[in-house]
Amino acid sequence: LGPPSIDETKERLYTRHLDRFKSFVHNSLADLINTGLEDITFETTEICVYKDNKLVALSYFDSSDTSAASILCVYDRAFNAYSLGIFTMLLE
């Protein structure tokens, strides 16, 4: 849990999910997270979930003094049975 920190592992996980997105699609995770930061009025937080030191889920949410919004969750599809999207939403 902390500020966004984009690396190659996170970019690969994002890229593997591009076929599932219908809208709000960006070429890279960095593009998605950094778009619209010119007039920032919120804080973006990153949540990473690891299994045996392997990144299996990643989510982002924005928050301010009065609101919060879930932005994105991607996960390793080998872990579908664990409902990691719901898990990270509950953490948010």
Protein backbone atom coordinates (compact mmCIF):
# COMPACT_ATOMS: atom_id res chain seq x y z
CA LEU A 1 0.00 0.00 0.00
CA GLY A 2 1.52 3.28 -1.06
CA PRO A 3 2.04 5.72 -3.91
CA PRO A 4 2.15 4.33 -7.47
CA SER A 5 5.44 2.75 -8.40
CA ILE A 6 5.32 1.45 -11.96
CA ASP A 7 7.83 -1.20 -13.01
CA GLU A 8 8.16 -3.82 -15.75
CA THR A 9 6.38 -6.55 -13.73
CA LYS A 10 3.34 -4.31 -13.19
CA GLU A 11 3.33 -3.22 -16.83
CA ARG A 12 3.29 -6.90 -17.94
CA LEU A 13 0.37 -7.68 -15.65
CA TYR A 14 -1.53 -4.66 -17.04
CA THR A 15 -0.75 -5.63 -20.66
CA ARG A 16 -2.14 -9.15 -20.09
CA HIS A 17 -5.50 -7.57 -19.18
CA LEU A 18 -5.90 -5.18 -22.10
CA ASP A 19 -8.17 -7.62 -23.96
CA ARG A 20 -10.65 -7.53 -21.06
CA PHE A 21 -11.11 -3.75 -21.04
CA LYS A 22 -13.90 -2.14 -23.09
CA SER A 23 -13.08 1.50 -22.30
CA PHE A 24 -10.58 3.64 -20.42
CA VAL A 25 -7.80 1.75 -22.20
CA HIS A 26 -4.29 3.18 -22.24
CA ASN A 27 -1.18 1.91 -24.02
CA SER A 28 0.61 1.37 -20.72
CA LEU A 29 -0.01 1.35 -17.00
CA ALA A 30 2.19 4.43 -16.66
CA ASP A 31 -0.02 6.29 -19.17
CA LEU A 32 -3.14 5.32 -17.25
CA ILE A 33 -1.79 6.39 -13.86
CA ASN A 34 -0.17 9.64 -15.08
CA THR A 35 -2.99 10.93 -17.32
CA GLY A 36 -4.62 14.11 -16.05
CA LEU A 37 -2.15 14.92 -13.29
CA GLU A 38 -1.87 18.58 -14.31
CA ASP A 39 -4.67 19.73 -11.98
CA ILE A 40 -4.43 16.96 -9.40
CA THR A 41 -6.82 17.26 -6.46
CA PHE A 42 -6.57 13.68 -5.21
CA GLU A 43 -4.04 11.11 -4.10
CA THR A 44 -3.55 7.87 -6.04
CA THR A 45 -2.73 4.79 -3.97
CA GLU A 46 -1.38 1.45 -5.20
CA ILE A 47 -2.15 -1.92 -3.63
CA CYS A 48 0.00 -4.95 -4.50
CA VAL A 49 -0.84 -8.54 -3.58
CA TYR A 50 1.95 -11.11 -3.57
CA LYS A 51 1.98 -14.90 -3.36
CA ASP A 52 5.41 -16.38 -2.63
CA ASN A 53 7.11 -13.11 -3.67
CA LYS A 54 5.25 -13.08 -7.02
CA LEU A 55 2.96 -10.16 -7.88
CA VAL A 56 -0.51 -11.67 -8.39
CA ALA A 57 -2.74 -8.57 -8.18
CA LEU A 58 -2.41 -4.84 -8.49
CA SER A 59 -4.99 -2.11 -7.93
CA TYR A 60 -5.18 1.66 -7.82
CA PHE A 61 -7.63 4.03 -6.22
CA ASP A 62 -7.89 7.80 -5.90
CA SER A 63 -8.90 9.55 -2.70
CA SER A 64 -9.43 13.08 -1.47
CA ASP A 65 -10.82 14.61 1.70
CA THR A 66 -14.40 13.89 0.64
CA SER A 67 -14.36 10.92 -1.73
CA ALA A 68 -12.64 7.83 -3.09
CA ALA A 69 -12.76 6.08 -6.47
CA SER A 70 -11.44 2.71 -7.55
CA ILE A 71 -9.42 3.13 -10.74
CA LEU A 72 -8.11 -0.26 -11.82
CA CYS A 73 -7.44 -3.82 -10.74
CA VAL A 74 -5.45 -6.38 -12.72
CA TYR A 75 -4.43 -9.82 -11.57
CA ASP A 76 -2.71 -12.99 -12.65
CA ARG A 77 -5.46 -15.06 -14.29
CA ALA A 78 -3.97 -18.22 -12.79
CA PHE A 79 -5.48 -16.94 -9.53
CA ASN A 80 -9.06 -16.37 -10.83
CA ALA A 81 -10.49 -18.64 -8.13
CA TYR A 82 -9.30 -16.24 -5.42
CA SER A 83 -11.42 -13.27 -6.61
CA LEU A 84 -8.49 -10.89 -6.30
CA GLY A 85 -10.46 -8.03 -7.87
CA ILE A 86 -13.00 -8.22 -5.06
CA PHE A 87 -10.24 -8.70 -2.49
CA THR A 88 -8.38 -5.55 -3.56
CA MET A 89 -11.64 -3.57 -3.72
CA LEU A 90 -12.31 -4.49 -0.09
CA LEU A 91 -8.77 -3.33 0.81
CA GLU A 92 -9.42 0.00 -0.92
